[in-house]
């Protein structure tokens, strides 16, 4: 079988590997249909992901069909359409015990710390798979994992009916944050430098968009909110400037949700935080969001049409990585 392997930074190959035949009683063998190419996959390839180890089979946005089930597996059957929940946790540390396994002290992510799903097939414990109705097209089902990131952001921000939410960044994660926030009844403002991305965000339900290449973000946000600011400000870009603006955009008692991993310290005034008693919350991966997102997809309650713009064969992974740099691309799928 074939696997997409990053041997070391800037060296990626499609390699042949022996297919796993025997599985444990609690395991499932999955025939991969699609894997989404994510920014973190690109960062691993470029050597910019601080958590990755090499060599590494990338891919954590993965869907496929059940090819074989272990003797003790009762939740899945042959042919079921499934998506991968790509985290492995210890279950023993304090975060795990208080219901926050996404920040487990020994957290491992498939495709980052452990080999991922960009391969013809893989074997994994059954509790890492979620069944998705066959009525959901595979090209939509594969979006489950990034949608859980958006769901986690809304969960961390406690987004609800009547809230006003600012989302900086109209890439795939920003769009996923938008879809979930709109489902929860929020008024959503999306900002970006790219007018094409903003137009698409508008199609997906954004109430307002701001091109920060042409307008001052904070001026526009305060105009749109009658000088009050937003209830929840999500930073889906992850640089210092967007984090600083996220704080300054908040109304009193607002919540800032941070999804990025910028290491350099930002210039943030304590006055802004204390005066408005703001909550600043990180949002990493997801906690128990897969069933919620699968239900939304199965009941067609969110519109994910046209988020996928390109589908490339596994042998075209180099072209896919180049295409990722194109501002006209959104989600790129790798077909197996």
C-alpha atoms as a PDB file:
ATOM      1  CA  UNK A   1       0.000   0.000   0.000  1.00  0.00           C
ATOM      2  CA  UNK A   2       1.035   3.643  -0.389  1.00  0.00           C
ATOM      3  CA  UNK A   3       1.761   6.183   2.328  1.00  0.00           C
ATOM      4  CA  UNK A   4       2.601   9.897   2.206  1.00  0.00           C
ATOM      5  CA  UNK A   5       5.733  10.234   4.305  1.00  0.00           C
ATOM      6  CA  UNK A   6       7.595  13.371   5.378  1.00  0.00           C
ATOM      7  CA  UNK A   7      11.055  11.921   5.908  1.00  0.00           C
ATOM      8  CA  UNK A   8      12.435  15.200   7.192  1.00  0.00           C
ATOM      9  CA  UNK A   9      11.596  18.863   6.657  1.00  0.00           C
ATOM     10  CA  UNK A  10      11.126  19.662   2.951  1.00  0.00           C
ATOM     11  CA  UNK A  11      11.405  16.015   1.931  1.00  0.00           C
ATOM     12  CA  UNK A  12       8.096  14.298   1.182  1.00  0.00           C
ATOM     13  CA  UNK A  13       7.568  11.043  -0.695  1.00  0.00           C
ATOM     14  CA  UNK A  14       4.874   8.561  -1.593  1.00  0.00           C
ATOM     15  CA  UNK A  15       6.298   5.296  -0.305  1.00  0.00           C
ATOM     16  CA  UNK A  16       5.300   1.650  -0.483  1.00  0.00           C
ATOM     17  CA  UNK A  17       4.586  -0.145   2.783  1.00  0.00           C
ATOM     18  CA  UNK A  18       3.325  -3.537   3.822  1.00  0.00           C
ATOM     19  CA  UNK A  19      -0.387  -3.575   4.540  1.00  0.00           C
ATOM     20  CA  UNK A  20      -1.478  -4.600   8.043  1.00  0.00           C
ATOM     21  CA  UNK A  21      -3.398  -7.871   7.936  1.00  0.00           C
ATOM     22  CA  UNK A  22      -3.940  -8.862  11.560  1.00  0.00           C
ATOM     23  CA  UNK A  23      -5.718  -6.537  13.980  1.00  0.00           C
ATOM     24  CA  UNK A  24      -6.387  -6.598  17.720  1.00  0.00           C
ATOM     25  CA  UNK A  25      -9.844  -7.320  19.144  1.00  0.00           C
ATOM     26  CA  UNK A  26     -10.529  -3.624  19.855  1.00  0.00           C
ATOM     27  CA  UNK A  27      -9.189  -2.353  16.537  1.00  0.00           C
ATOM     28  CA  UNK A  28     -10.645  -1.455  13.162  1.00  0.00           C
ATOM     29  CA  UNK A  29      -9.001  -1.392   9.758  1.00  0.00           C
ATOM     30  CA  UNK A  30     -10.029   1.618   7.678  1.00  0.00           C
ATOM     31  CA  UNK A  31      -9.781   1.994   3.906  1.00  0.00           C
ATOM     32  CA  UNK A  32      -8.975   5.681   3.435  1.00  0.00           C
ATOM     33  CA  UNK A  33     -10.975   7.581   0.819  1.00  0.00           C
ATOM     34  CA  UNK A  34      -9.944  11.194   1.504  1.00  0.00           C
ATOM     35  CA  UNK A  35      -7.587  13.142   3.734  1.00  0.00           C
ATOM     36  CA  UNK A  36      -7.756  16.910   4.016  1.00  0.00           C
ATOM     37  CA  UNK A  37      -4.547  18.892   3.617  1.00  0.00           C
ATOM     38  CA  UNK A  38      -4.276  21.191   6.631  1.00  0.00           C
ATOM     39  CA  UNK A  39      -1.956  24.063   7.483  1.00  0.00           C
ATOM     40  CA  UNK A  40      -0.337  21.903  10.150  1.00  0.00           C
ATOM     41  CA  UNK A  41       0.510  19.276   7.508  1.00  0.00           C
ATOM     42  CA  UNK A  42       2.215  22.003   5.492  1.00  0.00           C
ATOM     43  CA  UNK A  43       4.054  23.244   8.577  1.00  0.00           C
ATOM     44  CA  UNK A  44       5.299  19.703   9.267  1.00  0.00           C
ATOM     45  CA  UNK A  45       6.572  19.480   5.694  1.00  0.00           C
ATOM     46  CA  UNK A  46       8.290  22.860   6.006  1.00  0.00           C
ATOM     47  CA  UNK A  47       9.745  22.045   9.428  1.00  0.00           C
ATOM     48  CA  UNK A  48       7.797  24.748  11.262  1.00  0.00           C
ATOM     49  CA  UNK A  49       5.608  22.574  13.485  1.00  0.00           C
ATOM     50  CA  UNK A  50       7.158  22.583  16.994  1.00  0.00           C
ATOM     51  CA  UNK A  51       5.404  19.338  17.982  1.00  0.00           C
ATOM     52  CA  UNK A  52       6.188  17.117  14.981  1.00  0.00           C
ATOM     53  CA  UNK A  53       8.741  14.332  14.935  1.00  0.00           C
ATOM     54  CA  UNK A  54      10.227  12.704  11.824  1.00  0.00           C
ATOM     55  CA  UNK A  55       9.844  10.620   9.757  1.00  0.00           C
ATOM     56  CA  UNK A  56       6.079  11.092   9.851  1.00  0.00           C
ATOM     57  CA  UNK A  57       3.060   9.939   7.873  1.00  0.00           C
ATOM     58  CA  UNK A  58       0.957  13.096   7.887  1.00  0.00           C
ATOM     59  CA  UNK A  59      -2.809  13.533   7.854  1.00  0.00           C
ATOM     60  CA  UNK A  60      -5.316  14.076  10.649  1.00  0.00           C
ATOM     61  CA  UNK A  61      -8.410  15.130   8.657  1.00  0.00           C
ATOM     62  CA  UNK A  62      -9.304  11.645   7.487  1.00  0.00           C
ATOM     63  CA  UNK A  63     -12.364   9.689   6.363  1.00  0.00           C
ATOM     64  CA  UNK A  64     -12.845   6.265   4.911  1.00  0.00           C
ATOM     65  CA  UNK A  65     -14.800   3.033   5.191  1.00  0.00           C
ATOM     66  CA  UNK A  66     -14.509   0.140   7.612  1.00  0.00           C
ATOM     67  CA  UNK A  67     -12.636  -2.747   6.008  1.00  0.00           C
ATOM     68  CA  UNK A  68     -12.204  -5.052   9.009  1.00  0.00           C
ATOM     69  CA  UNK A  69     -13.363  -5.085  12.646  1.00  0.00           C
ATOM     70  CA  UNK A  70     -11.858  -6.720  15.702  1.00  0.00           C
ATOM     71  CA  UNK A  71     -13.738  -9.394  17.620  1.00  0.00           C
ATOM     72  CA  UNK A  72     -14.750  -7.040  20.457  1.00  0.00           C
ATOM     73  CA  UNK A  73     -15.928  -4.150  18.282  1.00  0.00           C
ATOM     74  CA  UNK A  74     -19.724  -3.752  18.298  1.00  0.00           C
ATOM     75  CA  UNK A  75     -20.128  -0.081  17.345  1.00  0.00           C
ATOM     76  CA  UNK A  76     -19.014  -0.419  13.731  1.00  0.00           C
ATOM     77  CA  UNK A  77     -19.670  -2.767  10.830  1.00  0.00           C
ATOM     78  CA  UNK A  78     -17.997  -3.525   7.524  1.00  0.00           C
ATOM     79  CA  UNK A  79     -18.641  -0.769   5.014  1.00  0.00           C
ATOM     80  CA  UNK A  80     -19.507   1.920   7.554  1.00  0.00           C
ATOM     81  CA  UNK A  81     -18.351   5.417   6.634  1.00  0.00           C
ATOM     82  CA  UNK A  82     -16.123   6.778   9.408  1.00  0.00           C
ATOM     83  CA  UNK A  83     -14.030   9.795  10.347  1.00  0.00           C
ATOM     84  CA  UNK A  84     -10.922   9.800  12.495  1.00  0.00           C
ATOM     85  CA  UNK A  85     -10.732  11.566  15.857  1.00  0.00           C
ATOM     86  CA  UNK A  86      -6.982  12.125  15.696  1.00  0.00           C
ATOM     87  CA  UNK A  87      -5.929  12.425  19.334  1.00  0.00           C
ATOM     88  CA  UNK A  88      -4.532   9.886  21.775  1.00  0.00           C
ATOM     89  CA  UNK A  89      -4.649  10.689  25.491  1.00  0.00           C
ATOM     90  CA  UNK A  90      -3.529   9.059  28.733  1.00  0.00           C
ATOM     91  CA  UNK A  91      -6.866   9.226  30.589  1.00  0.00           C
ATOM     92  CA  UNK A  92      -5.034   9.621  33.899  1.00  0.00           C
ATOM     93  CA  UNK A  93      -3.730  13.202  34.138  1.00  0.00           C
ATOM     94  CA  UNK A  94      -5.738  16.059  35.646  1.00  0.00           C
ATOM     95  CA  UNK A  95      -6.925  17.523  32.298  1.00  0.00           C
ATOM     96  CA  UNK A  96      -8.190  14.087  31.259  1.00  0.00           C
ATOM     97  CA  UNK A  97      -9.921  13.551  34.596  1.00  0.00           C
ATOM     98  CA  UNK A  98     -11.716  16.904  34.480  1.00  0.00           C
ATOM     99  CA  UNK A  99     -13.027  16.259  30.978  1.00  0.00           C
ATOM    100  CA  UNK A 100     -10.449  18.170  28.937  1.00  0.00           C
ATOM    101  CA  UNK A 101      -8.458  15.417  27.202  1.00  0.00           C
ATOM    102  CA  UNK A 102      -7.555  17.750  24.334  1.00  0.00           C
ATOM    103  CA  UNK A 103      -4.907  19.239  26.630  1.00  0.00           C
ATOM    104  CA  UNK A 104      -3.753  15.913  28.086  1.00  0.00           C
ATOM    105  CA  UNK A 105      -0.284  16.091  29.602  1.00  0.00           C
ATOM    106  CA  UNK A 106       0.766  13.251  27.281  1.00  0.00           C
ATOM    107  CA  UNK A 107      -1.316  14.317  24.290  1.00  0.00           C
ATOM    108  CA  UNK A 108      -0.383  12.788  20.958  1.00  0.00           C
ATOM    109  CA  UNK A 109      -1.968  13.788  17.660  1.00  0.00           C
ATOM    110  CA  UNK A 110      -2.141  11.377  14.759  1.00  0.00           C
ATOM    111  CA  UNK A 111      -0.263  12.898  11.860  1.00  0.00           C
ATOM    112  CA  UNK A 112       1.936  14.967  14.183  1.00  0.00           C
ATOM    113  CA  UNK A 113       3.327  12.906  17.076  1.00  0.00           C
ATOM    114  CA  UNK A 114       2.132   9.568  15.671  1.00  0.00           C
ATOM    115  CA  UNK A 115       1.621   8.400  12.107  1.00  0.00           C
ATOM    116  CA  UNK A 116      -1.531   9.779  10.533  1.00  0.00           C
ATOM    117  CA  UNK A 117      -4.048   8.829   7.914  1.00  0.00           C
ATOM    118  CA  UNK A 118      -2.501   9.793   4.574  1.00  0.00           C
ATOM    119  CA  UNK A 119      -2.144   6.179   3.541  1.00  0.00           C
ATOM    120  CA  UNK A 120      -4.262   3.648   1.684  1.00  0.00           C
ATOM    121  CA  UNK A 121      -5.394   2.075   4.936  1.00  0.00           C
ATOM    122  CA  UNK A 122      -4.653   2.139   8.648  1.00  0.00           C
ATOM    123  CA  UNK A 123      -5.540   0.263  11.815  1.00  0.00           C
ATOM    124  CA  UNK A 124      -6.696   2.027  14.959  1.00  0.00           C
ATOM    125  CA  UNK A 125      -8.712   1.510  18.143  1.00  0.00           C
ATOM    126  CA  UNK A 126     -12.449   1.651  17.441  1.00  0.00           C
ATOM    127  CA  UNK A 127     -13.056   4.488  19.919  1.00  0.00           C
ATOM    128  CA  UNK A 128     -11.027   6.809  17.664  1.00  0.00           C
ATOM    129  CA  UNK A 129     -13.572   6.462  14.870  1.00  0.00           C
ATOM    130  CA  UNK A 130     -16.979   8.077  14.440  1.00  0.00           C
ATOM    131  CA  UNK A 131     -19.608   6.689  12.117  1.00  0.00           C
ATOM    132  CA  UNK A 132     -21.093   9.113   9.586  1.00  0.00           C
ATOM    133  CA  UNK A 133     -24.236   8.288   7.656  1.00  0.00           C
ATOM    134  CA  UNK A 134     -23.636   7.174   4.075  1.00  0.00           C
ATOM    135  CA  UNK A 135     -26.063   9.933   3.073  1.00  0.00           C
ATOM    136  CA  UNK A 136     -23.285  12.436   3.835  1.00  0.00           C
ATOM    137  CA  UNK A 137     -21.014  12.675   0.807  1.00  0.00           C
ATOM    138  CA  UNK A 138     -17.409  11.621   1.528  1.00  0.00           C
ATOM    139  CA  UNK A 139     -16.170  15.028   0.340  1.00  0.00           C
ATOM    140  CA  UNK A 140     -18.280  16.602   3.099  1.00  0.00           C
ATOM    141  CA  UNK A 141     -17.685  13.975   5.772  1.00  0.00           C
ATOM    142  CA  UNK A 142     -13.933  14.620   5.587  1.00  0.00           C
ATOM    143  CA  UNK A 143     -14.603  18.163   6.842  1.00  0.00           C
ATOM    144  CA  UNK A 144     -15.738  16.819  10.216  1.00  0.00           C
ATOM    145  CA  UNK A 145     -12.400  17.311  11.967  1.00  0.00           C
ATOM    146  CA  UNK A 146     -11.853  20.982  11.007  1.00  0.00           C
ATOM    147  CA  UNK A 147     -15.495  21.650  11.875  1.00  0.00           C
ATOM    148  CA  UNK A 148     -14.821  20.301  15.380  1.00  0.00           C
ATOM    149  CA  UNK A 149     -12.128  22.983  15.704  1.00  0.00           C
ATOM    150  CA  UNK A 150     -14.766  25.613  14.953  1.00  0.00           C
ATOM    151  CA  UNK A 151     -17.161  23.931  17.375  1.00  0.00           C
ATOM    152  CA  UNK A 152     -14.536  23.965  20.115  1.00  0.00           C
ATOM    153  CA  UNK A 153     -13.929  27.684  19.545  1.00  0.00           C
ATOM    154  CA  UNK A 154     -17.641  28.410  19.996  1.00  0.00           C
ATOM    155  CA  UNK A 155     -17.715  26.151  23.065  1.00  0.00           C
ATOM    156  CA  UNK A 156     -14.749  27.947  24.618  1.00  0.00           C
ATOM    157  CA  UNK A 157     -16.312  31.303  23.799  1.00  0.00           C
ATOM    158  CA  UNK A 158     -19.720  30.196  25.079  1.00  0.00           C
ATOM    159  CA  UNK A 159     -21.284  31.533  21.891  1.00  0.00           C
ATOM    160  CA  UNK A 160     -25.053  31.738  22.051  1.00  0.00           C
ATOM    161  CA  UNK A 161     -28.168  33.310  20.628  1.00  0.00           C
ATOM    162  CA  UNK A 162     -27.824  37.077  20.253  1.00  0.00           C
ATOM    163  CA  UNK A 163     -24.048  37.241  20.672  1.00  0.00           C
ATOM    164  CA  UNK A 164     -21.919  39.284  18.305  1.00  0.00           C
ATOM    165  CA  UNK A 165     -18.781  37.417  17.256  1.00  0.00           C
ATOM    166  CA  UNK A 166     -15.696  38.676  15.428  1.00  0.00           C
ATOM    167  CA  UNK A 167     -13.666  36.078  13.549  1.00  0.00           C
ATOM    168  CA  UNK A 168     -10.289  37.206  12.248  1.00  0.00           C
ATOM    169  CA  UNK A 169      -9.268  35.019   9.336  1.00  0.00           C
ATOM    170  CA  UNK A 170     -11.455  33.618   6.560  1.00  0.00           C
ATOM    171  CA  UNK A 171      -9.439  30.484   5.823  1.00  0.00           C
ATOM    172  CA  UNK A 172     -10.832  27.007   6.422  1.00  0.00           C
ATOM    173  CA  UNK A 173     -10.717  27.251  10.221  1.00  0.00           C
ATOM    174  CA  UNK A 174     -12.239  30.728  10.189  1.00  0.00           C
ATOM    175  CA  UNK A 175     -15.025  29.409   7.955  1.00  0.00           C
ATOM    176  CA  UNK A 176     -15.630  26.504  10.320  1.00  0.00           C
ATOM    177  CA  UNK A 177     -15.830  28.931  13.249  1.00  0.00           C
ATOM    178  CA  UNK A 178     -18.308  30.986  11.207  1.00  0.00           C
ATOM    179  CA  UNK A 179     -20.577  28.045  10.390  1.00  0.00           C
ATOM    180  CA  UNK A 180     -20.815  26.907  14.001  1.00  0.00           C
ATOM    181  CA  UNK A 181     -21.275  30.418  15.418  1.00  0.00           C
ATOM    182  CA  UNK A 182     -24.098  31.075  12.945  1.00  0.00           C
ATOM    183  CA  UNK A 183     -25.740  27.769  13.864  1.00  0.00           C
ATOM    184  CA  UNK A 184     -25.650  28.884  17.492  1.00  0.00           C
ATOM    185  CA  UNK A 185     -27.512  32.084  16.622  1.00  0.00           C
ATOM    186  CA  UNK A 186     -24.742  34.679  16.660  1.00  0.00           C
ATOM    187  CA  UNK A 187     -24.262  37.766  14.516  1.00  0.00           C
ATOM    188  CA  UNK A 188     -20.862  37.239  12.918  1.00  0.00           C
ATOM    189  CA  UNK A 189     -18.262  39.683  11.595  1.00  0.00           C
ATOM    190  CA  UNK A 190     -15.414  38.172   9.561  1.00  0.00           C
ATOM    191  CA  UNK A 191     -12.193  39.996   8.699  1.00  0.00           C
ATOM    192  CA  UNK A 192      -9.428  39.131   6.267  1.00  0.00           C
ATOM    193  CA  UNK A 193      -7.051  40.689   3.746  1.00  0.00           C
ATOM    194  CA  UNK A 194      -8.465  38.712   0.817  1.00  0.00           C
ATOM    195  CA  UNK A 195     -11.665  39.993  -0.787  1.00  0.00           C
ATOM    196  CA  UNK A 196     -12.363  36.617  -2.401  1.00  0.00           C
ATOM    197  CA  UNK A 197     -12.276  34.871   0.958  1.00  0.00           C
ATOM    198  CA  UNK A 198     -14.518  37.530   2.452  1.00  0.00           C
ATOM    199  CA  UNK A 199     -17.035  37.123  -0.375  1.00  0.00           C
ATOM    200  CA  UNK A 200     -17.156  33.401   0.287  1.00  0.00           C
ATOM    201  CA  UNK A 201     -17.588  34.023   4.025  1.00  0.00           C
ATOM    202  CA  UNK A 202     -20.542  36.221   3.146  1.00  0.00           C
ATOM    203  CA  UNK A 203     -22.017  33.358   1.113  1.00  0.00           C
ATOM    204  CA  UNK A 204     -21.605  31.127   4.142  1.00  0.00           C
ATOM    205  CA  UNK A 205     -23.580  33.419   6.406  1.00  0.00           C
ATOM    206  CA  UNK A 206     -21.274  36.159   7.648  1.00  0.00           C
ATOM    207  CA  UNK A 207     -23.418  39.155   8.552  1.00  0.00           C
ATOM    208  CA  UNK A 208     -20.575  41.616   7.970  1.00  0.00           C
ATOM    209  CA  UNK A 209     -17.102  41.409   6.466  1.00  0.00           C
ATOM    210  CA  UNK A 210     -14.134  43.733   6.862  1.00  0.00           C
ATOM    211  CA  UNK A 211     -11.213  43.922   4.459  1.00  0.00           C
ATOM    212  CA  UNK A 212      -8.385  44.873   6.812  1.00  0.00           C
ATOM    213  CA  UNK A 213      -6.232  45.841   3.847  1.00  0.00           C
ATOM    214  CA  UNK A 214      -8.617  48.702   3.151  1.00  0.00           C
ATOM    215  CA  UNK A 215     -10.219  49.525   6.504  1.00  0.00           C
ATOM    216  CA  UNK A 216      -9.146  49.798  10.122  1.00  0.00           C
ATOM    217  CA  UNK A 217     -10.477  46.705  11.848  1.00  0.00           C
ATOM    218  CA  UNK A 218     -11.252  48.254  15.221  1.00  0.00           C
ATOM    219  CA  UNK A 219     -12.890  51.340  13.739  1.00  0.00           C
ATOM    220  CA  UNK A 220     -15.192  49.147  11.663  1.00  0.00           C
ATOM    221  CA  UNK A 221     -15.997  46.757  14.510  1.00  0.00           C
ATOM    222  CA  UNK A 222     -17.021  49.586  16.803  1.00  0.00           C
ATOM    223  CA  UNK A 223     -19.130  51.169  14.054  1.00  0.00           C
ATOM    224  CA  UNK A 224     -20.970  47.885  13.547  1.00  0.00           C
ATOM    225  CA  UNK A 225     -21.565  47.401  17.268  1.00  0.00           C
ATOM    226  CA  UNK A 226     -22.640  50.948  18.195  1.00  0.00           C
ATOM    227  CA  UNK A 227     -19.308  51.484  19.945  1.00  0.00           C
ATOM    228  CA  UNK A 228     -19.864  48.520  22.256  1.00  0.00           C
ATOM    229  CA  UNK A 229     -17.456  45.930  20.872  1.00  0.00           C
ATOM    230  CA  UNK A 230     -18.106  42.231  20.364  1.00  0.00           C
ATOM    231  CA  UNK A 231     -19.127  39.576  22.865  1.00  0.00           C
ATOM    232  CA  UNK A 232     -16.683  37.005  21.530  1.00  0.00           C
ATOM    233  CA  UNK A 233     -13.539  37.684  19.483  1.00  0.00           C
ATOM    234  CA  UNK A 234     -11.917  34.684  17.767  1.00  0.00           C
ATOM    235  CA  UNK A 235      -8.373  34.869  16.445  1.00  0.00           C
ATOM    236  CA  UNK A 236      -8.150  32.302  13.642  1.00  0.00           C
ATOM    237  CA  UNK A 237      -5.000  33.898  12.194  1.00  0.00           C
ATOM    238  CA  UNK A 238      -2.630  33.495  15.112  1.00  0.00           C
ATOM    239  CA  UNK A 239      -0.189  36.383  14.867  1.00  0.00           C
ATOM    240  CA  UNK A 240       0.507  39.099  17.405  1.00  0.00           C
ATOM    241  CA  UNK A 241      -1.434  41.814  15.597  1.00  0.00           C
ATOM    242  CA  UNK A 242      -4.616  39.739  15.421  1.00  0.00           C
ATOM    243  CA  UNK A 243      -4.342  38.698  19.061  1.00  0.00           C
ATOM    244  CA  UNK A 244      -3.888  42.309  20.127  1.00  0.00           C
ATOM    245  CA  UNK A 245      -6.885  43.369  18.018  1.00  0.00           C
ATOM    246  CA  UNK A 246      -8.969  40.530  19.431  1.00  0.00           C
ATOM    247  CA  UNK A 247      -8.537  41.966  22.913  1.00  0.00           C
ATOM    248  CA  UNK A 248      -9.207  45.541  21.825  1.00  0.00           C
ATOM    249  CA  UNK A 249     -12.342  44.524  19.903  1.00  0.00           C
ATOM    250  CA  UNK A 250     -14.124  43.063  22.933  1.00  0.00           C
ATOM    251  CA  UNK A 251     -17.015  44.600  24.808  1.00  0.00           C
ATOM    252  CA  UNK A 252     -16.901  44.544  28.621  1.00  0.00           C
ATOM    253  CA  UNK A 253     -17.256  40.949  29.867  1.00  0.00           C
ATOM    254  CA  UNK A 254     -16.169  39.772  26.414  1.00  0.00           C
ATOM    255  CA  UNK A 255     -14.290  36.593  25.625  1.00  0.00           C
ATOM    256  CA  UNK A 256     -11.192  36.257  23.461  1.00  0.00           C
ATOM    257  CA  UNK A 257     -10.704  32.820  21.883  1.00  0.00           C
ATOM    258  CA  UNK A 258      -7.188  32.122  20.637  1.00  0.00           C
ATOM    259  CA  UNK A 259      -6.559  29.338  18.114  1.00  0.00           C
ATOM    260  CA  UNK A 260      -2.967  30.094  17.070  1.00  0.00           C
ATOM    261  CA  UNK A 261       0.507  29.113  18.262  1.00  0.00           C
ATOM    262  CA  UNK A 262       2.542  32.318  17.909  1.00  0.00           C
ATOM    263  CA  UNK A 263       5.569  32.083  20.222  1.00  0.00           C
ATOM    264  CA  UNK A 264       6.640  35.731  20.210  1.00  0.00           C
ATOM    265  CA  UNK A 265       5.135  37.838  23.036  1.00  0.00           C
ATOM    266  CA  UNK A 266       2.370  40.240  22.027  1.00  0.00           C
ATOM    267  CA  UNK A 267       2.002  43.852  23.147  1.00  0.00           C
ATOM    268  CA  UNK A 268      -1.098  43.601  25.336  1.00  0.00           C
ATOM    269  CA  UNK A 269      -2.206  46.139  27.904  1.00  0.00           C
ATOM    270  CA  UNK A 270      -3.421  44.786  31.226  1.00  0.00           C
ATOM    271  CA  UNK A 271      -5.793  47.750  31.392  1.00  0.00           C
ATOM    272  CA  UNK A 272      -7.862  46.447  28.469  1.00  0.00           C
ATOM    273  CA  UNK A 273      -8.229  43.062  30.137  1.00  0.00           C
ATOM    274  CA  UNK A 274      -8.881  44.199  33.696  1.00  0.00           C
ATOM    275  CA  UNK A 275     -11.086  47.189  32.890  1.00  0.00           C
ATOM    276  CA  UNK A 276     -13.448  45.072  30.816  1.00  0.00           C
ATOM    277  CA  UNK A 277     -12.906  41.924  32.902  1.00  0.00           C
ATOM    278  CA  UNK A 278     -12.192  40.008  29.714  1.00  0.00           C
ATOM    279  CA  UNK A 279     -11.740  36.256  29.534  1.00  0.00           C
ATOM    280  CA  UNK A 280      -8.853  35.094  27.348  1.00  0.00           C
ATOM    281  CA  UNK A 281      -9.233  31.452  26.425  1.00  0.00           C
ATOM    282  CA  UNK A 282      -7.118  29.146  24.340  1.00  0.00           C
ATOM    283  CA  UNK A 283      -8.892  26.704  22.041  1.00  0.00           C
ATOM    284  CA  UNK A 284      -6.912  23.607  21.079  1.00  0.00           C
ATOM    285  CA  UNK A 285      -8.223  20.736  19.002  1.00  0.00           C
ATOM    286  CA  UNK A 286     -11.615  19.702  20.455  1.00  0.00           C
ATOM    287  CA  UNK A 287     -13.331  18.041  23.381  1.00  0.00           C
ATOM    288  CA  UNK A 288     -16.287  15.740  22.637  1.00  0.00           C
ATOM    289  CA  UNK A 289     -17.271  17.783  19.562  1.00  0.00           C
ATOM    290  CA  UNK A 290     -17.327  14.964  16.998  1.00  0.00           C
ATOM    291  CA  UNK A 291     -20.866  13.688  17.748  1.00  0.00           C
ATOM    292  CA  UNK A 292     -22.180  17.265  17.623  1.00  0.00           C
ATOM    293  CA  UNK A 293     -20.586  17.990  14.242  1.00  0.00           C
ATOM    294  CA  UNK A 294     -21.543  14.618  12.756  1.00  0.00           C
ATOM    295  CA  UNK A 295     -25.147  15.313  13.749  1.00  0.00           C
ATOM    296  CA  UNK A 296     -25.047  18.732  12.054  1.00  0.00           C
ATOM    297  CA  UNK A 297     -23.734  17.160   8.848  1.00  0.00           C
ATOM    298  CA  UNK A 298     -26.199  14.279   8.891  1.00  0.00           C
ATOM    299  CA  UNK A 299     -29.142  16.624   9.381  1.00  0.00           C
ATOM    300  CA  UNK A 300     -27.761  19.105   6.850  1.00  0.00           C
ATOM    301  CA  UNK A 301     -27.875  21.932   9.397  1.00  0.00           C
ATOM    302  CA  UNK A 302     -24.705  23.629   8.179  1.00  0.00           C
ATOM    303  CA  UNK A 303     -23.781  24.464   4.606  1.00  0.00           C
ATOM    304  CA  UNK A 304     -20.345  23.129   3.689  1.00  0.00           C
ATOM    305  CA  UNK A 305     -20.834  23.308  -0.076  1.00  0.00           C
ATOM    306  CA  UNK A 306     -17.781  24.536  -2.020  1.00  0.00           C
ATOM    307  CA  UNK A 307     -15.419  24.601   0.957  1.00  0.00           C
ATOM    308  CA  UNK A 308     -13.522  21.870  -0.874  1.00  0.00           C
ATOM    309  CA  UNK A 309     -12.010  23.486  -3.960  1.00  0.00           C
ATOM    310  CA  UNK A 310      -9.499  20.885  -5.154  1.00  0.00           C
ATOM    311  CA  UNK A 311      -9.072  17.120  -5.066  1.00  0.00           C
ATOM    312  CA  UNK A 312      -5.631  15.687  -5.806  1.00  0.00           C
ATOM    313  CA  UNK A 313      -4.501  12.088  -6.109  1.00  0.00           C
ATOM    314  CA  UNK A 314      -2.059  10.851  -3.466  1.00  0.00           C
ATOM    315  CA  UNK A 315       0.690  10.799  -6.078  1.00  0.00           C
ATOM    316  CA  UNK A 316       0.146  14.534  -6.575  1.00  0.00           C
ATOM    317  CA  UNK A 317       1.003  15.534  -3.013  1.00  0.00           C
ATOM    318  CA  UNK A 318       3.805  17.871  -4.144  1.00  0.00           C
ATOM    319  CA  UNK A 319       1.379  19.727  -6.415  1.00  0.00           C
ATOM    320  CA  UNK A 320      -1.129  19.878  -3.577  1.00  0.00           C
ATOM    321  CA  UNK A 321       1.434  21.501  -1.286  1.00  0.00           C
ATOM    322  CA  UNK A 322       2.115  24.150  -3.920  1.00  0.00           C
ATOM    323  CA  UNK A 323      -1.598  24.667  -4.488  1.00  0.00           C
ATOM    324  CA  UNK A 324      -2.027  25.289  -0.760  1.00  0.00           C
ATOM    325  CA  UNK A 325      -0.192  28.603  -1.237  1.00  0.00           C
ATOM    326  CA  UNK A 326      -2.789  29.765  -3.778  1.00  0.00           C
ATOM    327  CA  UNK A 327      -5.248  32.210  -2.211  1.00  0.00           C
ATOM    328  CA  UNK A 328      -7.966  30.841  -4.486  1.00  0.00           C
ATOM    329  CA  UNK A 329      -7.800  27.436  -2.817  1.00  0.00           C
ATOM    330  CA  UNK A 330      -9.747  26.620   0.326  1.00  0.00           C
ATOM    331  CA  UNK A 331      -9.749  22.979   1.386  1.00  0.00           C
ATOM    332  CA  UNK A 332      -7.623  20.595  -0.684  1.00  0.00           C
ATOM    333  CA  UNK A 333      -8.385  16.892  -0.438  1.00  0.00           C
ATOM    334  CA  UNK A 334      -5.972  14.051  -1.097  1.00  0.00           C
ATOM    335  CA  UNK A 335      -7.696  11.072  -2.706  1.00  0.00           C
ATOM    336  CA  UNK A 336      -6.646   7.493  -1.920  1.00  0.00           C
END
